[in-house]
C-alpha cells in the first residue's frame, strides 16, 4: 500500500513536472513569437525610415536640380544683360566718336568761315 502511495506520489510529481515543462515550452513559444513580432516591427520601422530617407534624398535631389536649373537661367539672364550692356557701351562710344568728329568738322568749317570773313574784311 505504501508502495502504491509512493508510486501515485511519484506519478503526481512527474505529472506536475510535465505540466511545468509544457508551460515553460508554451512560454518559450510565446517569447519567440513576441521576439519575431518585435523583430518584424523593427524591420518595418527600419524600412519606413529607409523609405523616408530615400524620399528625402529624392526631394533634395529634385530641389538641387531645380536650383541648378534656376541658377543656369539666372546665369543666362546675366549673360544677356552683360551683352546688352556691352552693345550699349559700343553704341555710346560710336556716338561719342561721331560727335567728336562732327565737332572737329564744325571747328574746321568755323575756321574756314573766319578766314573767309577776314579775307572779305581786308
PDB file of N, CA and C in Angstrom:
ATOM      1  N   UNK A   1       0.821  -1.178   0.000  1.00  0.00           N
ATOM      2  CA  UNK A   1       0.000   0.000   0.000  1.00  0.00           C
ATOM      3  C   UNK A   1       0.867   1.246   0.000  1.00  0.00           C
ATOM      4  N   UNK A   2       1.842   1.316   0.784  1.00  0.00           N
ATOM      5  CA  UNK A   2       2.757   2.457   0.825  1.00  0.00           C
ATOM      6  C   UNK A   2       3.455   2.612  -0.520  1.00  0.00           C
ATOM      7  N   UNK A   3       3.730   1.470  -1.132  1.00  0.00           N
ATOM      8  CA  UNK A   3       4.369   1.497  -2.432  1.00  0.00           C
ATOM      9  C   UNK A   3       3.450   2.175  -3.447  1.00  0.00           C
ATOM     10  N   UNK A   4       2.163   1.843  -3.394  1.00  0.00           N
ATOM     11  CA  UNK A   4       1.217   2.488  -4.294  1.00  0.00           C
ATOM     12  C   UNK A   4       1.118   3.976  -4.027  1.00  0.00           C
ATOM     13  N   UNK A   5       1.106   4.350  -2.788  1.00  0.00           N
ATOM     14  CA  UNK A   5       1.036   5.766  -2.415  1.00  0.00           C
ATOM     15  C   UNK A   5       2.268   6.469  -2.943  1.00  0.00           C
ATOM     16  N   UNK A   6       3.425   5.820  -2.787  1.00  0.00           N
ATOM     17  CA  UNK A   6       4.665   6.412  -3.302  1.00  0.00           C
ATOM     18  C   UNK A   6       4.621   6.486  -4.820  1.00  0.00           C
ATOM     19  N   UNK A   7       4.129   5.412  -5.453  1.00  0.00           N
ATOM     20  CA  UNK A   7       4.035   5.428  -6.916  1.00  0.00           C
ATOM     21  C   UNK A   7       3.080   6.524  -7.373  1.00  0.00           C
ATOM     22  N   UNK A   8       1.948   6.644  -6.693  1.00  0.00           N
ATOM     23  CA  UNK A   8       0.987   7.722  -7.031  1.00  0.00           C
ATOM     24  C   UNK A   8       1.629   9.088  -6.826  1.00  0.00           C
ATOM     25  N   UNK A   9       2.348   9.218  -5.757  1.00  0.00           N
ATOM     26  CA  UNK A   9       3.018  10.485  -5.446  1.00  0.00           C
ATOM     27  C   UNK A   9       4.053  10.809  -6.513  1.00  0.00           C
ATOM     28  N   UNK A  10       4.819   9.762  -6.931  1.00  0.00           N
ATOM     29  CA  UNK A  10       5.827   9.951  -7.972  1.00  0.00           C
ATOM     30  C   UNK A  10       5.143  10.340  -9.265  1.00  0.00           C
ATOM     31  N   UNK A  11       4.021   9.651  -9.602  1.00  0.00           N
ATOM     32  CA  UNK A  11       3.289   9.984 -10.827  1.00  0.00           C
ATOM     33  C   UNK A  11       2.749  11.406 -10.766  1.00  0.00           C
ATOM     34  N   UNK A  12       2.250  11.803  -9.609  1.00  0.00           N
ATOM     35  CA  UNK A  12       1.754  13.186  -9.460  1.00  0.00           C
ATOM     36  C   UNK A  12       2.883  14.190  -9.679  1.00  0.00           C
ATOM     37  N   UNK A  13       4.035  13.893  -9.086  1.00  0.00           N
ATOM     38  CA  UNK A  13       5.199  14.779  -9.242  1.00  0.00           C
ATOM     39  C   UNK A  13       5.648  14.816 -10.705  1.00  0.00           C
ATOM     40  N   UNK A  14       5.652  13.631 -11.331  1.00  0.00           N
ATOM     41  CA  UNK A  14       6.042  13.574 -12.741  1.00  0.00           C
ATOM     42  C   UNK A  14       5.034  14.358 -13.591  1.00  0.00           C
ATOM     43  N   UNK A  15       3.764  14.245 -13.257  1.00  0.00           N
ATOM     44  CA  UNK A  15       2.718  14.993 -13.968  1.00  0.00           C
ATOM     45  C   UNK A  15       2.915  16.494 -13.787  1.00  0.00           C
ATOM     46  N   UNK A  16       3.221  16.888 -12.527  1.00  0.00           N
ATOM     47  CA  UNK A  16       3.461  18.304 -12.262  1.00  0.00           C
ATOM     48  C   UNK A  16       4.675  18.796 -13.040  1.00  0.00           C
ATOM     49  N   UNK A  17       5.732  17.964 -13.066  1.00  0.00           N
ATOM     50  CA  UNK A  17       6.946  18.342 -13.798  1.00  0.00           C
ATOM     51  C   UNK A  17       6.647  18.443 -15.298  1.00  0.00           C
ATOM     52  N   UNK A  18       5.840  17.506 -15.801  1.00  0.00           N
ATOM     53  CA  UNK A  18       5.475  17.549 -17.215  1.00  0.00           C
ATOM     54  C   UNK A  18       4.655  18.815 -17.493  1.00  0.00           C
ATOM     55  N   UNK A  19       3.760  19.155 -16.573  1.00  0.00           N
ATOM     56  CA  UNK A  19       2.953  20.370 -16.728  1.00  0.00           C
ATOM     57  C   UNK A  19       3.838  21.608 -16.706  1.00  0.00           C
ATOM     58  N   UNK A  20       4.833  21.633 -15.810  1.00  0.00           N
ATOM     59  CA  UNK A  20       5.772  22.757 -15.738  1.00  0.00           C
ATOM     60  C   UNK A  20       6.552  22.837 -17.053  1.00  0.00           C
ATOM     61  N   UNK A  21       6.998  21.670 -17.568  1.00  0.00           N
ATOM     62  CA  UNK A  21       7.736  21.666 -18.850  1.00  0.00           C
ATOM     63  C   UNK A  21       6.854  22.200 -19.974  1.00  0.00           C
ATOM     64  N   UNK A  22       5.595  21.729 -20.002  1.00  0.00           N
ATOM     65  CA  UNK A  22       4.672  22.211 -21.046  1.00  0.00           C
ATOM     66  C   UNK A  22       4.465  23.716 -20.927  1.00  0.00           C
ATOM     67  N   UNK A  23       4.264  24.179 -19.698  1.00  0.00           N
ATOM     68  CA  UNK A  23       4.027  25.605 -19.501  1.00  0.00           C
ATOM     69  C   UNK A  23       5.268  26.417 -19.874  1.00  0.00           C
ATOM     70  N   UNK A  24       6.472  25.891 -19.567  1.00  0.00           N
ATOM     71  CA  UNK A  24       7.715  26.567 -19.981  1.00  0.00           C
ATOM     72  C   UNK A  24       7.844  26.571 -21.500  1.00  0.00           C
ATOM     73  N   UNK A  25       7.472  25.437 -22.113  1.00  0.00           N
ATOM     74  CA  UNK A  25       7.530  25.334 -23.574  1.00  0.00           C
ATOM     75  C   UNK A  25       6.573  26.356 -24.199  1.00  0.00           C
ATOM     76  N   UNK A  26       5.384  26.465 -23.654  1.00  0.00           N
ATOM     77  CA  UNK A  26       4.407  27.439 -24.157  1.00  0.00           C
ATOM     78  C   UNK A  26       4.955  28.857 -23.982  1.00  0.00           C
ATOM     79  N   UNK A  27       5.551  29.090 -22.806  1.00  0.00           N
ATOM     80  CA  UNK A  27       6.137  30.403 -22.537  1.00  0.00           C
ATOM     81  C   UNK A  27       7.261  30.707 -23.528  1.00  0.00           C
ATOM     82  N   UNK A  28       8.109  29.727 -23.837  1.00  0.00           N
ATOM     83  CA  UNK A  28       9.177  29.915 -24.810  1.00  0.00           C
ATOM     84  C   UNK A  28       8.619  30.226 -26.193  1.00  0.00           C
ATOM     85  N   UNK A  29       7.568  29.480 -26.573  1.00  0.00           N
ATOM     86  CA  UNK A  29       6.941  29.727 -27.877  1.00  0.00           C
ATOM     87  C   UNK A  29       6.395  31.149 -27.924  1.00  0.00           C
ATOM     88  N   UNK A  30       5.729  31.572 -26.846  1.00  0.00           N
ATOM     89  CA  UNK A  30       5.177  32.926 -26.798  1.00  0.00           C
ATOM     90  C   UNK A  30       6.291  33.971 -26.869  1.00  0.00           C
ATOM     91  N   UNK A  31       7.375  33.751 -26.134  1.00  0.00           N
ATOM     92  CA  UNK A  31       8.520  34.678 -26.179  1.00  0.00           C
ATOM     93  C   UNK A  31       9.085  34.769 -27.595  1.00  0.00           C
ATOM     94  N   UNK A  32       9.242  33.610 -28.240  1.00  0.00           N
ATOM     95  CA  UNK A  32       9.765  33.599 -29.611  1.00  0.00           C
ATOM     96  C   UNK A  32       8.826  34.353 -30.567  1.00  0.00           C
ATOM     97  N   UNK A  33       7.516  34.115 -30.388  1.00  0.00           N
ATOM     98  CA  UNK A  33       6.551  34.823 -31.233  1.00  0.00           C
ATOM     99  C   UNK A  33       6.643  36.329 -30.999  1.00  0.00           C
ATOM    100  N   UNK A  34       6.769  36.698 -29.726  1.00  0.00           N
ATOM    101  CA  UNK A  34       6.881  38.119 -29.387  1.00  0.00           C
ATOM    102  C   UNK A  34       8.163  38.711 -29.977  1.00  0.00           C
ATOM    103  N   UNK A  35       9.273  37.963 -29.860  1.00  0.00           N
ATOM    104  CA  UNK A  35      10.545  38.417 -30.454  1.00  0.00           C
ATOM    105  C   UNK A  35      10.395  38.613 -31.961  1.00  0.00           C
ATOM    106  N   UNK A  36       9.732  37.638 -32.604  1.00  0.00           N
ATOM    107  CA  UNK A  36       9.525  37.742 -34.049  1.00  0.00           C
ATOM    108  C   UNK A  36       8.668  38.961 -34.393  1.00  0.00           C
ATOM    109  N   UNK A  37       7.621  39.205 -33.573  1.00  0.00           N
ATOM    110  CA  UNK A  37       6.785  40.381 -33.805  1.00  0.00           C
ATOM    111  C   UNK A  37       7.598  41.662 -33.636  1.00  0.00           C
ATOM    112  N   UNK A  38       8.394  41.698 -32.561  1.00  0.00           N
ATOM    113  CA  UNK A  38       9.234  42.875 -32.316  1.00  0.00           C
ATOM    114  C   UNK A  38      10.230  43.046 -33.456  1.00  0.00           C
ATOM    115  N   UNK A  39      10.834  41.947 -33.872  1.00  0.00           N
ATOM    116  CA  UNK A  39      11.799  41.998 -34.975  1.00  0.00           C
ATOM    117  C   UNK A  39      11.121  42.478 -36.258  1.00  0.00           C
ATOM    118  N   UNK A  40       9.932  41.953 -36.522  1.00  0.00           N
ATOM    119  CA  UNK A  40       9.193  42.368 -37.719  1.00  0.00           C
ATOM    120  C   UNK A  40       8.848  43.849 -37.628  1.00  0.00           C
ATOM    121  N   UNK A  41       8.441  44.291 -36.446  1.00  0.00           N
ATOM    122  CA  UNK A  41       8.119  45.716 -36.251  1.00  0.00           C
ATOM    123  C   UNK A  41       9.371  46.581 -36.433  1.00  0.00           C
ATOM    124  N   UNK A  42      10.499  46.114 -35.886  1.00  0.00           N
ATOM    125  CA  UNK A  42      11.749  46.861 -36.057  1.00  0.00           C
ATOM    126  C   UNK A  42      12.147  46.922 -37.527  1.00  0.00           C
ATOM    127  N   UNK A  43      11.988  45.789 -38.223  1.00  0.00           N
ATOM    128  CA  UNK A  43      12.309  45.776 -39.654  1.00  0.00           C
ATOM    129  C   UNK A  43      11.389  46.728 -40.410  1.00  0.00           C
ATOM    130  N   UNK A  44      10.119  46.709 -40.027  1.00  0.00           N
ATOM    131  CA  UNK A  44       9.151  47.600 -40.684  1.00  0.00           C
ATOM    132  C   UNK A  44       9.542  49.049 -40.432  1.00  0.00           C
ATOM    133  N   UNK A  45       9.860  49.368 -39.178  1.00  0.00           N
ATOM    134  CA  UNK A  45      10.271  50.743 -38.854  1.00  0.00           C
ATOM    135  C   UNK A  45      11.541  51.114 -39.599  1.00  0.00           C
ATOM    136  N   UNK A  46      12.495  50.173 -39.654  1.00  0.00           N
ATOM    137  CA  UNK A  46      13.741  50.437 -40.390  1.00  0.00           C
ATOM    138  C   UNK A  46      13.435  50.652 -41.866  1.00  0.00           C
ATOM    139  N   UNK A  47      12.524  49.845 -42.392  1.00  0.00           N
ATOM    140  CA  UNK A  47      12.110  50.015 -43.788  1.00  0.00           C
ATOM    141  C   UNK A  47      11.428  51.353 -43.999  1.00  0.00           C
ATOM    142  N   UNK A  48      10.571  51.733 -43.032  1.00  0.00           N
ATOM    143  CA  UNK A  48       9.897  53.034 -43.110  1.00  0.00           C
ATOM    144  C   UNK A  48      10.919  54.161 -43.049  1.00  0.00           C
ATOM    145  N   UNK A  49      11.908  54.022 -42.143  1.00  0.00           N
ATOM    146  CA  UNK A  49      12.952  55.052 -42.036  1.00  0.00           C
ATOM    147  C   UNK A  49      13.759  55.123 -43.318  1.00  0.00           C
ATOM    148  N   UNK A  50      14.092  53.953 -43.863  1.00  0.00           N
ATOM    149  CA  UNK A  50      14.868  53.921 -45.116  1.00  0.00           C
ATOM    150  C   UNK A  50      14.054  54.563 -46.242  1.00  0.00           C
ATOM    151  N   UNK A  51      12.768  54.248 -46.298  1.00  0.00           N
ATOM    152  CA  UNK A  51      11.914  54.846 -47.335  1.00  0.00           C
ATOM    153  C   UNK A  51      11.847  56.359 -47.147  1.00  0.00           C
ATOM    154  N   UNK A  52      11.741  56.783 -45.909  1.00  0.00           N
ATOM    155  CA  UNK A  52      11.690  58.215 -45.608  1.00  0.00           C
ATOM    156  C   UNK A  52      12.998  58.886 -46.022  1.00  0.00           C
ATOM    157  N   UNK A  53      14.107  58.234 -45.712  1.00  0.00           N
ATOM    158  CA  UNK A  53      15.420  58.781 -46.080  1.00  0.00           C
ATOM    159  C   UNK A  53      15.547  58.843 -47.600  1.00  0.00           C
ATOM    160  N   UNK A  54      15.104  57.781 -48.278  1.00  0.00           N
ATOM    161  CA  UNK A  54      15.149  57.789 -49.752  1.00  0.00           C
ATOM    162  C   UNK A  54      14.276  58.911 -50.307  1.00  0.00           C
ATOM    163  N   UNK A  55      13.107  59.078 -49.709  1.00  0.00           N
ATOM    164  CA  UNK A  55      12.199  60.137 -50.157  1.00  0.00           C
ATOM    165  C   UNK A  55      12.830  61.515 -49.942  1.00  0.00           C
ATOM    166  N   UNK A  56      13.462  61.701 -48.781  1.00  0.00           N
ATOM    167  CA  UNK A  56      14.122  62.980 -48.506  1.00  0.00           C
ATOM    168  C   UNK A  56      15.275  63.213 -49.474  1.00  0.00           C
ATOM    169  N   UNK A  57      16.023  62.161 -49.758  1.00  0.00           N
ATOM    170  CA  UNK A  57      17.139  62.287 -50.700  1.00  0.00           C
ATOM    171  C   UNK A  57      16.627  62.644 -52.088  1.00  0.00           C
ATOM    172  N   UNK A  58      15.533  62.012 -52.496  1.00  0.00           N
ATOM    173  CA  UNK A  58      14.953  62.323 -53.813  1.00  0.00           C
ATOM    174  C   UNK A  58      14.461  63.762 -53.845  1.00  0.00           C
ATOM    175  N   UNK A  59      13.860  64.194 -52.733  1.00  0.00           N
ATOM    176  CA  UNK A  59      13.374  65.575 -52.661  1.00  0.00           C
ATOM    177  C   UNK A  59      14.536  66.558 -52.723  1.00  0.00           C
ATOM    178  N   UNK A  60      15.620  66.252 -52.002  1.00  0.00           N
ATOM    179  CA  UNK A  60      16.802  67.119 -52.039  1.00  0.00           C
ATOM    180  C   UNK A  60      17.398  67.156 -53.437  1.00  0.00           C
ATOM    181  N   UNK A  61      17.433  65.987 -54.080  1.00  0.00           N
ATOM    182  CA  UNK A  61      17.975  65.924 -55.442  1.00  0.00           C
ATOM    183  C   UNK A  61      17.107  66.751 -56.380  1.00  0.00           C
ATOM    184  N   UNK A  62      15.791  66.637 -56.206  1.00  0.00           N
ATOM    185  CA  UNK A  62      14.865  67.404 -57.037  1.00  0.00           C
ATOM    186  C   UNK A  62      15.073  68.898 -56.809  1.00  0.00           C
ATOM    187  N   UNK A  63      15.204  69.284 -55.530  1.00  0.00           N
ATOM    188  CA  UNK A  63      15.451  70.686 -55.217  1.00  0.00           C
ATOM    189  C   UNK A  63      16.790  71.133 -55.773  1.00  0.00           C
ATOM    190  N   UNK A  64      17.770  70.248 -55.695  1.00  0.00           N
ATOM    191  CA  UNK A  64      19.094  70.559 -56.219  1.00  0.00           C
ATOM    192  C   UNK A  64      19.026  70.762 -57.730  1.00  0.00           C
ATOM    193  N   UNK A  65      18.299  69.871 -58.417  1.00  0.00           N
ATOM    194  CA  UNK A  65      18.140  70.001 -59.868  1.00  0.00           C
ATOM    195  C   UNK A  65      17.408  71.289 -60.211  1.00  0.00           C
ATOM    196  N   UNK A  66      16.362  71.599 -59.425  1.00  0.00           N
ATOM    197  CA  UNK A  66      15.614  72.833 -59.666  1.00  0.00           C
ATOM    198  C   UNK A  66      16.508  74.043 -59.409  1.00  0.00           C
ATOM    199  N   UNK A  67      17.299  73.974 -58.348  1.00  0.00           N
ATOM    200  CA  UNK A  67      18.234  75.063 -58.045  1.00  0.00           C
ATOM    201  C   UNK A  67      19.258  75.230 -59.154  1.00  0.00           C
ATOM    202  N   UNK A  68      19.756  74.115 -59.671  1.00  0.00           N
ATOM    203  CA  UNK A  68      20.739  74.176 -60.767  1.00  0.00           C
ATOM    204  C   UNK A  68      20.092  74.772 -62.011  1.00  0.00           C
ATOM    205  N   UNK A  69      18.850  74.391 -62.286  1.00  0.00           N
ATOM    206  CA  UNK A  69      18.135  74.935 -63.447  1.00  0.00           C
ATOM    207  C   UNK A  69      17.932  76.438 -63.283  1.00  0.00           C
ATOM    208  N   UNK A  70      17.500  76.856 -62.087  1.00  0.00           N
ATOM    209  CA  UNK A  70      17.287  78.284 -61.840  1.00  0.00           C
ATOM    210  C   UNK A  70      18.605  79.043 -61.916  1.00  0.00           C
ATOM    211  N   UNK A  71      19.678  78.444 -61.407  1.00  0.00           N
ATOM    212  CA  UNK A  71      20.991  79.087 -61.483  1.00  0.00           C
ATOM    213  C   UNK A  71      21.421  79.242 -62.941  1.00  0.00           C
ATOM    214  N   UNK A  72      21.164  78.224 -63.748  1.00  0.00           N
ATOM    215  CA  UNK A  72      21.508  78.302 -65.177  1.00  0.00           C
ATOM    216  C   UNK A  72      20.684  79.389 -65.860  1.00  0.00           C
ATOM    217  N   UNK A  73      19.395  79.476 -65.511  1.00  0.00           N
ATOM    218  CA  UNK A  73      18.549  80.522 -66.086  1.00  0.00           C
ATOM    219  C   UNK A  73      19.056  81.905 -65.678  1.00  0.00           C
ATOM    220  N   UNK A  74      19.408  82.064 -64.411  1.00  0.00           N
ATOM    221  CA  UNK A  74      19.922  83.348 -63.922  1.00  0.00           C
ATOM    222  C   UNK A  74      21.250  83.675 -64.610  1.00  0.00           C
ATOM    223  N   UNK A  75      22.090  82.665 -64.783  1.00  0.00           N
ATOM    224  CA  UNK A  75      23.376  82.862 -65.461  1.00  0.00           C
ATOM    225  C   UNK A  75      23.147  83.338 -66.897  1.00  0.00           C
ATOM    226  N   UNK A  76      22.188  82.728 -67.586  1.00  0.00           N
ATOM    227  CA  UNK A  76      21.878  83.126 -68.967  1.00  0.00           C
ATOM    228  C   UNK A  76      21.333  84.552 -68.996  1.00  0.00           C
ATOM    229  N   UNK A  77      20.472  84.870 -68.032  1.00  0.00           N
ATOM    230  CA  UNK A  77      19.927  86.225 -67.956  1.00  0.00           C
ATOM    231  C   UNK A  77      21.049  87.241 -67.724  1.00  0.00           C
ATOM    232  N   UNK A  78      21.973  86.911 -66.832  1.00  0.00           N
ATOM    233  CA  UNK A  78      23.118  87.794 -66.591  1.00  0.00           C
ATOM    234  C   UNK A  78      23.966  87.948 -67.852  1.00  0.00           C
ATOM    235  N   UNK A  79      24.168  86.850 -68.583  1.00  0.00           N
ATOM    236  CA  UNK A  79      24.956  86.908 -69.812  1.00  0.00           C
ATOM    237  C   UNK A  79      24.290  87.832 -70.821  1.00  0.00           C
ATOM    238  N   UNK A  80      22.949  87.708 -70.951  1.00  0.00           N
ATOM    239  CA  UNK A  80      22.217  88.567 -71.880  1.00  0.00           C
ATOM    240  C   UNK A  80      22.292  90.036 -71.464  1.00  0.00           C
ATOM    241  N   UNK A  81      22.197  90.278 -70.161  1.00  0.00           N
ATOM    242  CA  UNK A  81      22.295  91.656 -69.664  1.00  0.00           C
ATOM    243  C   UNK A  81      23.692  92.222 -69.935  1.00  0.00           C
ATOM    244  N   UNK A  82      24.712  91.404 -69.697  1.00  0.00           N
ATOM    245  CA  UNK A  82      26.084  91.844 -69.951  1.00  0.00           C
ATOM    246  C   UNK A  82      26.288  92.140 -71.429  1.00  0.00           C
ATOM    247  N   UNK A  83      25.728  91.294 -72.293  1.00  0.00           N
ATOM    248  CA  UNK A  83      25.838  91.518 -73.742  1.00  0.00           C
ATOM    249  C   UNK A  83      25.128  92.812 -74.131  1.00  0.00           C
ATOM    250  N   UNK A  84      23.947  93.019 -73.557  1.00  0.00           N
ATOM    251  CA  UNK A  84      23.189  94.235 -73.836  1.00  0.00           C
ATOM    252  C   UNK A  84      23.962  95.464 -73.370  1.00  0.00           C
ATOM    253  N   UNK A  85      24.562  95.388 -72.190  1.00  0.00           N
ATOM    254  CA  UNK A  85      25.367  96.490 -71.663  1.00  0.00           C
ATOM    255  C   UNK A  85      26.566  96.749 -72.578  1.00  0.00           C
ATOM    256  N   UNK A  86      27.208  95.688 -73.012  1.00  0.00           N
ATOM    257  CA  UNK A  86      28.355  95.822 -73.923  1.00  0.00           C
ATOM    258  C   UNK A  86      27.926  96.495 -75.226  1.00  0.00           C
ATOM    259  N   UNK A  87      26.803  96.019 -75.787  1.00  0.00           N
ATOM    260  CA  UNK A  87      26.297  96.608 -77.031  1.00  0.00           C
ATOM    261  C   UNK A  87      25.996  98.091 -76.848  1.00  0.00           C
ATOM    262  N   UNK A  88      25.362  98.442 -75.717  1.00  0.00           N
ATOM    263  CA  UNK A  88      25.037  99.845 -75.447  1.00  0.00           C
ATOM    264  C   UNK A  88      26.312 100.669 -75.298  1.00  0.00           C
ATOM    265  N   UNK A  89      27.329 100.110 -74.659  1.00  0.00           N
ATOM    266  CA  UNK A  89      28.604 100.816 -74.492  1.00  0.00           C
ATOM    267  C   UNK A  89      29.265 101.047 -75.844  1.00  0.00           C
ATOM    268  N   UNK A  90      29.257 100.027 -76.701  1.00  0.00           N
ATOM    269  CA  UNK A  90      29.847 100.165 -78.039  1.00  0.00           C
ATOM    270  C   UNK A  90      29.101 101.249 -78.813  1.00  0.00           C
ATOM    271  N   UNK A  91      27.774 101.243 -78.735  1.00  0.00           N
ATOM    272  CA  UNK A  91      26.970 102.238 -79.441  1.00  0.00           C
ATOM    273  C   UNK A  91      27.254 103.640 -78.898  1.00  0.00           C
ATOM    274  N   UNK A  92      27.329 103.761 -77.578  1.00  0.00           N
ATOM    275  CA  UNK A  92      27.633 105.060 -76.959  1.00  0.00           C
ATOM    276  C   UNK A  92      28.990 105.573 -77.426  1.00  0.00           C
ATOM    277  N   UNK A  93      29.992 104.671 -77.438  1.00  0.00           N
ATOM    278  CA  UNK A  93      31.328 105.066 -77.880  1.00  0.00           C
ATOM    279  C   UNK A  93      31.320 105.507 -79.336  1.00  0.00           C
ATOM    280  N   UNK A  94      30.519 104.810 -80.159  1.00  0.00           N
ATOM    281  CA  UNK A  94      30.422 105.178 -81.579  1.00  0.00           C
ATOM    282  C   UNK A  94      29.777 106.557 -81.716  1.00  0.00           C
ATOM    283  N   UNK A  95      28.732 106.819 -80.941  1.00  0.00           N
ATOM    284  CA  UNK A  95      28.073 108.126 -80.979  1.00  0.00           C
ATOM    285  C   UNK A  95      29.042 109.205 -80.506  1.00  0.00           C
ATOM    286  N   UNK A  96      29.794 108.943 -79.456  1.00  0.00           N
ATOM    287  CA  UNK A  96      30.796 109.920 -78.970  1.00  0.00           C
ATOM    288  C   UNK A  96      31.821 110.229 -80.059  1.00  0.00           C
ATOM    289  N   UNK A  97      32.295 109.162 -80.695  1.00  0.00           N
ATOM    290  CA  UNK A  97      33.285 109.360 -81.755  1.00  0.00           C
ATOM    291  C   UNK A  97      32.692 110.208 -82.874  1.00  0.00           C
ATOM    292  N   UNK A  98      31.421 109.954 -83.216  1.00  0.00           N
ATOM    293  CA  UNK A  98      30.767 110.726 -84.268  1.00  0.00           C
ATOM    294  C   UNK A  98      30.604 112.179 -83.845  1.00  0.00           C
ATOM    295  N   UNK A  99      30.235 112.389 -82.580  1.00  0.00           N
ATOM    296  CA  UNK A  99      30.094 113.760 -82.068  1.00  0.00           C
ATOM    297  C   UNK A  99      31.432 114.482 -82.136  1.00  0.00           C
ATOM    298  N   UNK A 100      32.504 113.818 -81.711  1.00  0.00           N
ATOM    299  CA  UNK A 100      33.838 114.424 -81.745  1.00  0.00           C
ATOM    300  C   UNK A 100      34.216 114.750 -83.186  1.00  0.00           C
ATOM    301  N   UNK A 101      33.930 113.809 -84.076  1.00  0.00           N
ATOM    302  CA  UNK A 101      34.242 114.022 -85.499  1.00  0.00           C
ATOM    303  C   UNK A 101      33.463 115.230 -86.046  1.00  0.00           C
ATOM    304  N   UNK A 102      32.194 115.342 -85.705  1.00  0.00           N
ATOM    305  CA  UNK A 102      31.364 116.459 -86.185  1.00  0.00           C
ATOM    306  C   UNK A 102      31.843 117.777 -85.579  1.00  0.00           C
ATOM    307  N   UNK A 103      32.263 117.729 -84.309  1.00  0.00           N
ATOM    308  CA  UNK A 103      32.784 118.951 -83.689  1.00  0.00           C
ATOM    309  C   UNK A 103      34.034 119.411 -84.410  1.00  0.00           C
ATOM    310  N   UNK A 104      34.893 118.421 -84.740  1.00  0.00           N
ATOM    311  CA  UNK A 104      36.105 118.784 -85.471  1.00  0.00           C
ATOM    312  C   UNK A 104      35.757 119.360 -86.833  1.00  0.00           C
ATOM    313  N   UNK A 105      34.792 118.769 -87.531  1.00  0.00           N
ATOM    314  CA  UNK A 105      34.358 119.298 -88.827  1.00  0.00           C
ATOM    315  C   UNK A 105      33.803 120.698 -88.662  1.00  0.00           C
ATOM    316  N   UNK A 106      32.993 120.889 -87.628  1.00  0.00           N
ATOM    317  CA  UNK A 106      32.412 122.203 -87.368  1.00  0.00           C
ATOM    318  C   UNK A 106      33.504 123.218 -87.073  1.00  0.00           C
ATOM    319  N   UNK A 107      34.495 122.780 -86.314  1.00  0.00           N
ATOM    320  CA  UNK A 107      35.611 123.656 -85.983  1.00  0.00           C
ATOM    321  C   UNK A 107      36.357 124.058 -87.254  1.00  0.00           C
ATOM    322  N   UNK A 108      36.557 123.092 -88.147  1.00  0.00           N
ATOM    323  CA  UNK A 108      37.234 123.374 -89.407  1.00  0.00           C
ATOM    324  C   UNK A 108      36.387 124.348 -90.224  1.00  0.00           C
ATOM    325  N   UNK A 109      35.090 124.112 -90.295  1.00  0.00           N
ATOM    326  CA  UNK A 109      34.202 124.991 -91.054  1.00  0.00           C
ATOM    327  C   UNK A 109      34.226 126.394 -90.453  1.00  0.00           C
ATOM    328  N   UNK A 110      34.207 126.496 -89.118  1.00  0.00           N
ATOM    329  CA  UNK A 110      34.259 127.806 -88.470  1.00  0.00           C
ATOM    330  C   UNK A 110      35.552 128.524 -88.834  1.00  0.00           C
ATOM    331  N   UNK A 111      36.668 127.774 -88.754  1.00  0.00           N
ATOM    332  CA  UNK A 111      37.954 128.392 -89.090  1.00  0.00           C
ATOM    333  C   UNK A 111      37.949 128.898 -90.524  1.00  0.00           C
ATOM    334  N   UNK A 112      37.440 128.029 -91.406  1.00  0.00           N
ATOM    335  CA  UNK A 112      37.383 128.439 -92.810  1.00  0.00           C
ATOM    336  C   UNK A 112      36.469 129.653 -92.977  1.00  0.00           C
ATOM    337  N   UNK A 113      35.356 129.646 -92.236  1.00  0.00           N
ATOM    338  CA  UNK A 113      34.431 130.786 -92.292  1.00  0.00           C
ATOM    339  C   UNK A 113      35.083 132.040 -91.758  1.00  0.00           C
ATOM    340  N   UNK A 114      35.807 131.890 -90.637  1.00  0.00           N
ATOM    341  CA  UNK A 114      36.506 133.033 -90.054  1.00  0.00           C
ATOM    342  C   UNK A 114      37.544 133.554 -91.041  1.00  0.00           C
ATOM    343  N   UNK A 115      38.262 132.647 -91.664  1.00  0.00           N
ATOM    344  CA  UNK A 115      39.292 133.039 -92.611  1.00  0.00           C
ATOM    345  C   UNK A 115      38.639 133.728 -93.821  1.00  0.00           C
ATOM    346  N   UNK A 116      37.506 133.227 -94.218  1.00  0.00           N
ATOM    347  CA  UNK A 116      36.794 133.844 -95.342  1.00  0.00           C
ATOM    348  C   UNK A 116      36.314 135.239 -94.990  1.00  0.00           C
ATOM    349  N   UNK A 117      35.845 135.460 -93.806  1.00  0.00           N
ATOM    350  CA  UNK A 117      35.383 136.773 -93.366  1.00  0.00           C
ATOM    351  C   UNK A 117      36.549 137.743 -93.267  1.00  0.00           C
ATOM    352  N   UNK A 118      37.647 137.214 -92.766  1.00  0.00           N
ATOM    353  CA  UNK A 118      38.828 138.072 -92.664  1.00  0.00           C
ATOM    354  C   UNK A 118      39.274 138.521 -94.059  1.00  0.00           C
ATOM    355  N   UNK A 119      39.190 137.561 -94.978  1.00  0.00           N
ATOM    356  CA  UNK A 119      39.564 137.902 -96.356  1.00  0.00           C
ATOM    357  C   UNK A 119      38.640 138.967 -96.921  1.00  0.00           C
ATOM    358  N   UNK A 120      37.377 138.910 -96.544  1.00  0.00           N
ATOM    359  CA  UNK A 120      36.425 139.901 -97.032  1.00  0.00           C
ATOM    360  C   UNK A 120      36.685 141.253 -96.363  1.00  0.00           C
ATOM    361  N   UNK A 121      37.091 141.212 -95.120  1.00  0.00           N
ATOM    362  CA  UNK A 121      37.342 142.435 -94.387  1.00  0.00           C
ATOM    363  C   UNK A 121      38.557 143.153 -94.967  1.00  0.00           C
ATOM    364  N   UNK A 122      39.493 142.405 -95.448  1.00  0.00           N
ATOM    365  CA  UNK A 122      40.705 143.011 -95.978  1.00  0.00           C
ATOM    366  C   UNK A 122      40.368 143.659 -97.251  1.00  0.00           C
TER     367      UNK A 122
END
